[in-house]
């Protein structure tokens, strides 16, 4: 059965300018530490933890797409699950419509789930393979509208499939998950989320498991939903799709958000050296040679024993002494763009542009091994 993704569909306007309204869902200095078990757990009274998320703040706005980008293991999915209420927080707050979210069960938690829906990376892993599509969708409708009868549920499930462009709806209702393509089943995942009529959708790598022909259609479908006022968090490691799709981009590294701002500005004027590394690593037909790439001098740190100071400093070609000892604060760069990098402290200038972009003013040259001011990493 062919996938009905419409690859010629143009990006929806909702992926344009960021909203000036207050965020509908917000993480404020959120922290999550997981206890370490087994031989690496540490001594009694000195138990070790995984610093999965530390002091992360991000907002999702009505009718806009916010992308959270970073390499695998950076804490992106953990932060999405904290926003969804699936994990308890070690510190910080999650605010929904400006009000703190504290419930972890019961009716209050059900109300939070009704407003904040999570779409997972693997559509096949998120469905019971023994149940038909109609059963999955009717159950979602019944959970979020307990007063609906069988006739209403049948009508609503057909409407949901139409909303995600699976037409005719009757052709899909009696299918089992394995009878659908990956793109079609991810659309059913989105339909199931829409059964709650949410204010926010958290999409965790929603297209990474799909073939290329299906990805654009699913992304455009998600962008369409923002026209109804839904706020969308798009979690991805793909900087290129974030630039195409999102209004705002937040960059996460080793459990911390290191840069955030309007999508086009973050891509064309990256402030943090890690953002430059991500962008230079993305496929770019305009890049003529590997000489344009930013050198990657290492691997992400252990989150059980993260480095002091800036967590990127062991890999950073621009690292300074303070980067080793002090975590950089948030430096405002104007127009909603900010970065946590000591290079923006008064007197240090700014990092250079990403490969293939226009040069930034007053950009210091990267240090070389022969430079007496260079720091070993």
Protein backbone atom coordinates (compact mmCIF):
# COMPACT_ATOMS: atom_id res chain seq x y z
CA UNK A 1 0.00 0.00 0.00
CA UNK A 2 1.61 3.34 -0.98
CA UNK A 3 2.26 5.96 1.67
CA UNK A 4 0.07 8.99 1.18
CA UNK A 5 2.75 11.51 2.22
CA UNK A 6 2.61 14.56 -0.04
CA UNK A 7 6.25 15.37 -0.65
CA UNK A 8 5.40 18.31 -2.93
CA UNK A 9 3.56 20.12 -0.16
CA UNK A 10 5.16 23.46 0.78
CA UNK A 11 6.13 24.37 4.36
CA UNK A 12 3.24 25.84 6.31
CA UNK A 13 3.39 29.44 7.49
CA UNK A 14 3.31 28.32 11.10
CA UNK A 15 6.96 27.42 10.80
CA UNK A 16 7.84 31.05 10.16
CA UNK A 17 8.12 33.77 12.75
CA UNK A 18 8.06 32.96 16.43
CA UNK A 19 5.05 34.00 18.47
CA UNK A 20 5.32 36.96 20.86
CA UNK A 21 2.75 35.38 23.19
CA UNK A 22 3.58 33.77 26.50
CA UNK A 23 4.72 30.14 26.27
CA UNK A 24 1.97 27.57 26.67
CA UNK A 25 4.47 25.05 28.11
CA UNK A 26 7.76 25.99 29.72
CA UNK A 27 10.68 24.32 31.46
CA UNK A 28 12.38 26.58 34.01
CA UNK A 29 15.83 25.48 35.22
CA UNK A 30 14.74 21.84 34.98
CA UNK A 31 17.17 19.19 36.23
CA UNK A 32 16.96 15.40 36.04
CA UNK A 33 19.48 13.01 37.62
CA UNK A 34 19.11 9.25 37.33
CA UNK A 35 20.69 7.03 40.00
CA UNK A 36 23.48 4.73 38.85
CA UNK A 37 23.05 1.05 39.72
CA UNK A 38 25.48 -1.85 39.82
CA UNK A 39 29.25 -1.70 40.21
CA UNK A 40 29.39 1.97 39.17
CA UNK A 41 26.86 3.11 41.78
CA UNK A 42 29.50 4.33 44.25
CA UNK A 43 29.77 3.99 48.00
CA UNK A 44 26.82 4.06 50.37
CA UNK A 45 26.08 7.69 51.11
CA UNK A 46 27.90 8.80 47.96
CA UNK A 47 25.70 7.32 45.27
CA UNK A 48 26.57 8.41 41.75
CA UNK A 49 24.01 9.82 39.34
CA UNK A 50 23.67 10.42 35.61
CA UNK A 51 23.35 14.16 34.97
CA UNK A 52 20.88 13.69 32.13
CA UNK A 53 19.49 17.26 32.22
CA UNK A 54 20.94 20.18 34.16
CA UNK A 55 19.41 23.65 34.53
CA UNK A 56 17.53 23.49 31.20
CA UNK A 57 15.01 26.20 30.31
CA UNK A 58 12.91 26.20 27.15
CA UNK A 59 9.50 27.49 26.09
CA UNK A 60 6.95 26.18 23.58
CA UNK A 61 4.69 28.88 22.15
CA UNK A 62 1.17 28.64 20.67
CA UNK A 63 1.14 28.10 16.94
CA UNK A 64 4.93 27.84 16.56
CA UNK A 65 7.56 25.13 16.17
CA UNK A 66 10.51 25.04 18.57
CA UNK A 67 13.33 22.65 17.63
CA UNK A 68 15.55 21.04 20.26
CA UNK A 69 18.71 19.82 18.52
CA UNK A 70 21.82 17.97 19.65
CA UNK A 71 23.69 14.74 19.16
CA UNK A 72 22.57 11.41 20.63
CA UNK A 73 22.81 11.28 24.42
CA UNK A 74 22.59 15.06 24.87
CA UNK A 75 19.41 14.82 26.97
CA UNK A 76 16.86 15.92 24.36
CA UNK A 77 14.45 13.01 24.81
CA UNK A 78 14.76 13.17 28.61
CA UNK A 79 13.77 16.84 28.55
CA UNK A 80 10.77 16.04 26.33
CA UNK A 81 9.64 13.36 28.79
CA UNK A 82 10.05 15.78 31.68
CA UNK A 83 7.77 18.22 29.87
CA UNK A 84 5.30 15.39 29.24
CA UNK A 85 5.29 14.48 32.93
CA UNK A 86 6.61 10.96 32.36
CA UNK A 87 9.67 11.55 34.56
CA UNK A 88 9.81 13.17 37.95
CA UNK A 89 12.10 16.20 38.17
CA UNK A 90 15.18 16.45 40.34
CA UNK A 91 14.89 20.23 40.29
CA UNK A 92 13.26 23.15 38.50
CA UNK A 93 9.70 23.69 37.35
CA UNK A 94 7.44 22.86 34.42
CA UNK A 95 4.75 25.46 33.77
CA UNK A 96 1.59 24.85 31.73
CA UNK A 97 -0.28 28.05 30.88
CA UNK A 98 1.93 29.73 33.47
CA UNK A 99 0.92 27.38 36.30
CA UNK A 100 3.34 24.90 37.92
CA UNK A 101 2.77 21.24 37.02
CA UNK A 102 3.01 19.11 40.15
CA UNK A 103 0.68 16.14 39.61
CA UNK A 104 2.17 12.75 38.75
CA UNK A 105 -1.05 10.72 38.86
CA UNK A 106 -4.80 11.01 39.18
CA UNK A 107 -7.15 13.49 37.51
CA UNK A 108 -4.71 16.40 37.58
CA UNK A 109 -2.12 14.33 35.73
CA UNK A 110 -4.79 13.21 33.25
CA UNK A 111 -5.58 16.86 32.54
CA UNK A 112 -1.88 17.53 31.91
CA UNK A 113 -1.65 14.57 29.53
CA UNK A 114 -4.76 15.86 27.75
CA UNK A 115 -2.98 19.15 27.08
CA UNK A 116 0.51 17.78 26.37
CA UNK A 117 0.87 14.84 24.00
CA UNK A 118 4.09 12.98 23.17
CA UNK A 119 4.81 11.40 19.77
CA UNK A 120 7.56 8.80 19.92
CA UNK A 121 10.35 8.02 17.47
CA UNK A 122 9.37 4.46 16.54
CA UNK A 123 5.74 4.23 15.45
CA UNK A 124 5.76 0.42 15.40
CA UNK A 125 6.95 0.27 19.00
CA UNK A 126 4.16 2.55 20.22
CA UNK A 127 1.23 0.40 19.08
CA UNK A 128 -0.11 -2.96 20.21
CA UNK A 129 0.40 -5.11 17.08
CA UNK A 130 -2.65 -7.24 17.96
CA UNK A 131 -5.11 -4.35 17.81
CA UNK A 132 -6.52 -2.60 14.76
CA UNK A 133 -6.07 1.09 14.05
CA UNK A 134 -9.74 1.70 14.85
CA UNK A 135 -9.32 0.19 18.32
CA UNK A 136 -6.29 2.32 19.12
CA UNK A 137 -8.03 5.52 18.04
CA UNK A 138 -11.39 4.74 19.69
CA UNK A 139 -9.60 4.05 22.96
CA UNK A 140 -7.83 7.42 22.77
CA UNK A 141 -11.12 9.19 22.06
CA UNK A 142 -12.82 7.38 24.95
CA UNK A 143 -10.02 8.24 27.40
CA UNK A 144 -10.14 11.96 26.63
CA UNK A 145 -13.91 12.18 26.16
CA UNK A 146 -15.44 9.69 28.58
CA UNK A 147 -18.99 10.78 27.74
CA UNK A 148 -18.71 9.90 24.06
CA UNK A 149 -20.79 6.95 22.88
CA UNK A 150 -19.90 4.36 20.22
CA UNK A 151 -21.35 6.42 17.36
CA UNK A 152 -19.40 9.53 18.38
CA UNK A 153 -16.23 7.49 18.73
CA UNK A 154 -16.60 6.01 15.25
CA UNK A 155 -17.20 9.44 13.74
CA UNK A 156 -14.32 10.98 15.63
CA UNK A 157 -11.81 8.27 14.60
CA UNK A 158 -12.69 8.82 10.94
CA UNK A 159 -12.26 12.57 11.41
CA UNK A 160 -8.85 12.05 12.99
CA UNK A 161 -7.62 9.97 10.05
CA UNK A 162 -8.88 12.62 7.64
CA UNK A 163 -7.06 15.28 9.65
CA UNK A 164 -3.75 13.47 9.12
CA UNK A 165 -4.48 12.90 5.41
CA UNK A 166 -5.08 9.15 5.54
CA UNK A 167 -7.86 8.93 2.97
CA UNK A 168 -10.25 7.30 2.57
CA UNK A 169 -10.41 6.77 6.33
CA UNK A 170 -12.32 3.49 6.02
CA UNK A 171 -9.37 1.96 4.19
CA UNK A 172 -7.18 2.32 7.32
CA UNK A 173 -9.54 1.67 10.24
CA UNK A 174 -9.47 -2.11 9.93
CA UNK A 175 -5.74 -2.37 9.33
CA UNK A 176 -3.26 -3.74 11.86
CA UNK A 177 -0.10 -1.68 12.51
CA UNK A 178 2.16 -4.04 10.53
CA UNK A 179 -0.03 -3.53 7.46
CA UNK A 180 0.88 0.16 7.26
CA UNK A 181 4.07 1.83 6.10
CA UNK A 182 6.21 3.71 8.61
CA UNK A 183 4.95 7.07 7.37
CA UNK A 184 1.32 5.99 7.53
CA UNK A 185 1.70 4.59 11.04
CA UNK A 186 3.41 7.76 12.25
CA UNK A 187 0.40 9.65 10.93
CA UNK A 188 -1.81 7.37 13.00
CA UNK A 189 0.40 8.24 16.00
CA UNK A 190 -0.29 11.91 15.33
CA UNK A 191 -4.03 11.18 14.97
CA UNK A 192 -4.00 9.41 18.33
CA UNK A 193 -2.33 12.44 19.92
CA UNK A 194 -4.92 14.75 18.36
CA UNK A 195 -7.73 12.75 19.99
CA UNK A 196 -6.91 14.65 23.20
CA UNK A 197 -7.20 18.04 21.46
CA UNK A 198 -3.83 19.03 22.99
CA UNK A 199 -2.34 22.50 23.40
CA UNK A 200 1.19 21.13 22.91
CA UNK A 201 2.68 18.24 20.94
CA UNK A 202 6.15 16.97 21.82
CA UNK A 203 7.53 15.17 18.76
CA UNK A 204 10.60 13.11 19.71
CA UNK A 205 12.57 12.37 16.51
CA UNK A 206 9.26 11.82 14.65
CA UNK A 207 10.82 11.21 11.21
CA UNK A 208 14.21 9.66 11.98
CA UNK A 209 12.88 6.11 11.39
CA UNK A 210 11.08 6.99 8.15
CA UNK A 211 12.32 6.76 4.59
CA UNK A 212 13.23 9.99 2.83
CA UNK A 213 10.06 10.07 0.74
CA UNK A 214 7.89 10.08 3.87
CA UNK A 215 9.75 12.56 6.04
CA UNK A 216 8.73 15.80 4.37
CA UNK A 217 5.07 14.84 4.34
CA UNK A 218 5.05 14.09 8.08
CA UNK A 219 6.92 17.32 8.88
CA UNK A 220 4.47 19.35 6.81
CA UNK A 221 1.56 17.63 8.56
CA UNK A 222 2.99 18.60 11.95
CA UNK A 223 3.50 22.17 10.74
CA UNK A 224 -0.12 22.30 9.58
CA UNK A 225 -1.27 21.52 13.10
CA UNK A 226 0.33 24.70 14.38
CA UNK A 227 -2.18 26.67 12.27
CA UNK A 228 -4.79 25.61 14.83
CA UNK A 229 -2.74 27.15 17.67
CA UNK A 230 -0.96 23.99 18.80
CA UNK A 231 2.58 24.53 20.10
CA UNK A 232 5.12 21.98 18.83
CA UNK A 233 8.47 20.86 20.23
CA UNK A 234 10.48 19.13 17.52
CA UNK A 235 13.28 17.01 19.01
CA UNK A 236 15.93 16.11 16.44
CA UNK A 237 19.63 15.63 15.73
CA UNK A 238 19.10 16.93 12.18
CA UNK A 239 20.04 20.62 12.03
CA UNK A 240 18.98 20.90 8.38
CA UNK A 241 15.38 19.86 9.04
CA UNK A 242 15.26 22.11 12.12
CA UNK A 243 16.21 25.10 9.98
CA UNK A 244 13.55 24.25 7.40
CA UNK A 245 10.85 23.44 9.91
CA UNK A 246 11.20 25.51 13.10
CA UNK A 247 10.77 29.11 14.20
CA UNK A 248 13.12 28.75 17.16
CA UNK A 249 16.09 26.46 17.73
CA UNK A 250 17.56 25.43 21.09
CA UNK A 251 20.88 23.55 21.05
CA UNK A 252 21.56 20.95 23.76
CA UNK A 253 24.89 19.42 24.71
CA UNK A 254 25.66 16.98 27.55
CA UNK A 255 22.46 17.78 29.43
CA UNK A 256 22.59 21.57 29.07
CA UNK A 257 21.05 23.99 26.60
CA UNK A 258 24.00 26.02 25.30
CA UNK A 259 22.32 28.26 22.71
CA UNK A 260 18.85 29.33 21.65
CA UNK A 261 17.27 31.84 19.31
CA UNK A 262 15.44 32.39 16.02
CA UNK A 263 16.14 29.45 13.73
CA UNK A 264 17.68 31.34 10.83
CA UNK A 265 19.93 33.37 13.09
CA UNK A 266 21.17 30.34 15.03
CA UNK A 267 22.06 28.63 11.74
CA UNK A 268 23.65 31.60 9.95
CA UNK A 269 25.24 33.25 13.01
CA UNK A 270 25.95 30.37 15.42
CA UNK A 271 27.30 31.67 18.70
CA UNK A 272 28.43 28.54 20.56
CA UNK A 273 31.35 26.47 19.19
CA UNK A 274 29.24 23.32 19.60
CA UNK A 275 26.51 24.80 17.39
CA UNK A 276 29.17 25.50 14.77
CA UNK A 277 30.31 21.88 14.99
CA UNK A 278 26.73 20.60 14.51
CA UNK A 279 26.14 22.83 11.50
CA UNK A 280 29.46 22.02 9.84
CA UNK A 281 28.75 18.30 10.28
CA UNK A 282 25.43 18.51 8.42
CA UNK A 283 25.42 17.58 4.71
CA UNK A 284 25.70 20.72 2.58
CA UNK A 285 26.00 20.55 -1.24
CA UNK A 286 27.48 24.07 -1.24
CA UNK A 287 30.44 22.97 0.88
CA UNK A 288 33.23 22.25 -1.58
CA UNK A 289 35.69 20.49 0.67
CA UNK A 290 36.25 19.06 4.10
CA UNK A 291 38.42 22.08 4.89
CA UNK A 292 35.23 24.03 5.61
CA UNK A 293 34.28 21.68 8.43
CA UNK A 294 34.88 22.51 12.09
CA UNK A 295 37.37 20.09 13.60
CA UNK A 296 35.90 17.68 16.15
CA UNK A 297 38.59 16.87 18.68
CA UNK A 298 36.83 14.34 20.89
CA UNK A 299 33.69 12.63 22.12
CA UNK A 300 30.83 13.76 24.41
CA UNK A 301 31.74 13.52 28.11
CA UNK A 302 30.46 11.00 30.62
CA UNK A 303 27.29 12.27 32.23
CA UNK A 304 28.14 10.36 35.40
CA UNK A 305 31.25 12.48 35.87
CA UNK A 306 30.76 15.51 33.60
CA UNK A 307 33.65 17.95 33.27
CA UNK A 308 33.68 21.09 35.40
CA UNK A 309 32.96 24.44 33.79
CA UNK A 310 31.65 24.36 30.23
CA UNK A 311 30.97 20.73 29.36
CA UNK A 312 32.10 21.30 25.79
CA UNK A 313 35.56 22.59 26.70
CA UNK A 314 37.43 19.25 26.19
CA UNK A 315 36.36 19.35 22.52
CA UNK A 316 36.43 23.11 21.95
CA UNK A 317 39.19 24.64 19.78
CA UNK A 318 38.50 28.04 21.41
CA UNK A 319 38.63 26.88 25.05
CA UNK A 320 40.03 29.33 27.61
CA UNK A 321 41.14 28.78 31.24
CA UNK A 322 37.77 29.87 32.66
CA UNK A 323 36.00 27.34 30.45
CA UNK A 324 37.58 24.57 32.54
CA UNK A 325 36.44 25.82 35.92
CA UNK A 326 33.32 27.98 35.61
CA UNK A 327 30.02 27.12 33.91
CA UNK A 328 29.27 30.06 31.60
CA UNK A 329 26.13 32.10 32.30
CA UNK A 330 23.59 33.04 29.68
CA UNK A 331 24.84 35.89 27.45
CA UNK A 332 22.08 37.79 25.60
CA UNK A 333 22.99 38.52 21.97
CA UNK A 334 19.89 40.43 20.92
CA UNK A 335 16.59 39.55 19.19
CA UNK A 336 15.98 36.58 21.48
CA UNK A 337 19.34 34.98 20.65
CA UNK A 338 21.53 33.86 23.57
CA UNK A 339 24.45 31.56 24.28
CA UNK A 340 26.29 30.07 27.24
CA UNK A 341 29.87 30.69 26.12
CA UNK A 342 32.67 32.67 27.76
CA UNK A 343 33.64 34.07 24.34
CA UNK A 344 30.82 36.59 24.76
CA UNK A 345 32.20 38.04 27.96
CA UNK A 346 33.28 41.66 27.42
CA UNK A 347 36.60 41.82 25.60
CA UNK A 348 36.57 38.34 24.06
CA UNK A 349 34.71 39.05 20.80
CA UNK A 350 32.61 36.34 19.17
CA UNK A 351 33.22 32.99 17.44
CA UNK A 352 33.39 32.88 13.67
CA UNK A 353 30.45 31.97 11.38
CA UNK A 354 29.38 28.50 10.37
CA UNK A 355 30.88 27.00 7.25
CA UNK A 356 29.33 28.53 4.14
CA UNK A 357 27.86 31.59 5.94
CA UNK A 358 28.85 35.24 5.87
CA UNK A 359 31.71 36.18 8.21
CA UNK A 360 30.74 37.60 11.57
CA UNK A 361 32.37 40.89 12.65
CA UNK A 362 35.23 40.80 15.14
CA UNK A 363 35.62 37.02 14.96
CA UNK A 364 38.78 35.75 16.63
CA UNK A 365 40.84 33.20 14.75
CA UNK A 366 40.87 29.68 16.25
CA UNK A 367 43.94 28.96 18.32
CA UNK A 368 46.65 26.74 16.91
CA UNK A 369 49.12 24.49 18.73
CA UNK A 370 51.88 27.03 17.97
CA UNK A 371 49.94 29.86 19.64
CA UNK A 372 51.48 30.48 23.10
CA UNK A 373 48.03 31.46 24.39
CA UNK A 374 46.52 28.15 23.32
CA UNK A 375 45.22 25.79 26.00
CA UNK A 376 45.74 22.05 25.70
CA UNK A 377 42.54 20.00 25.69
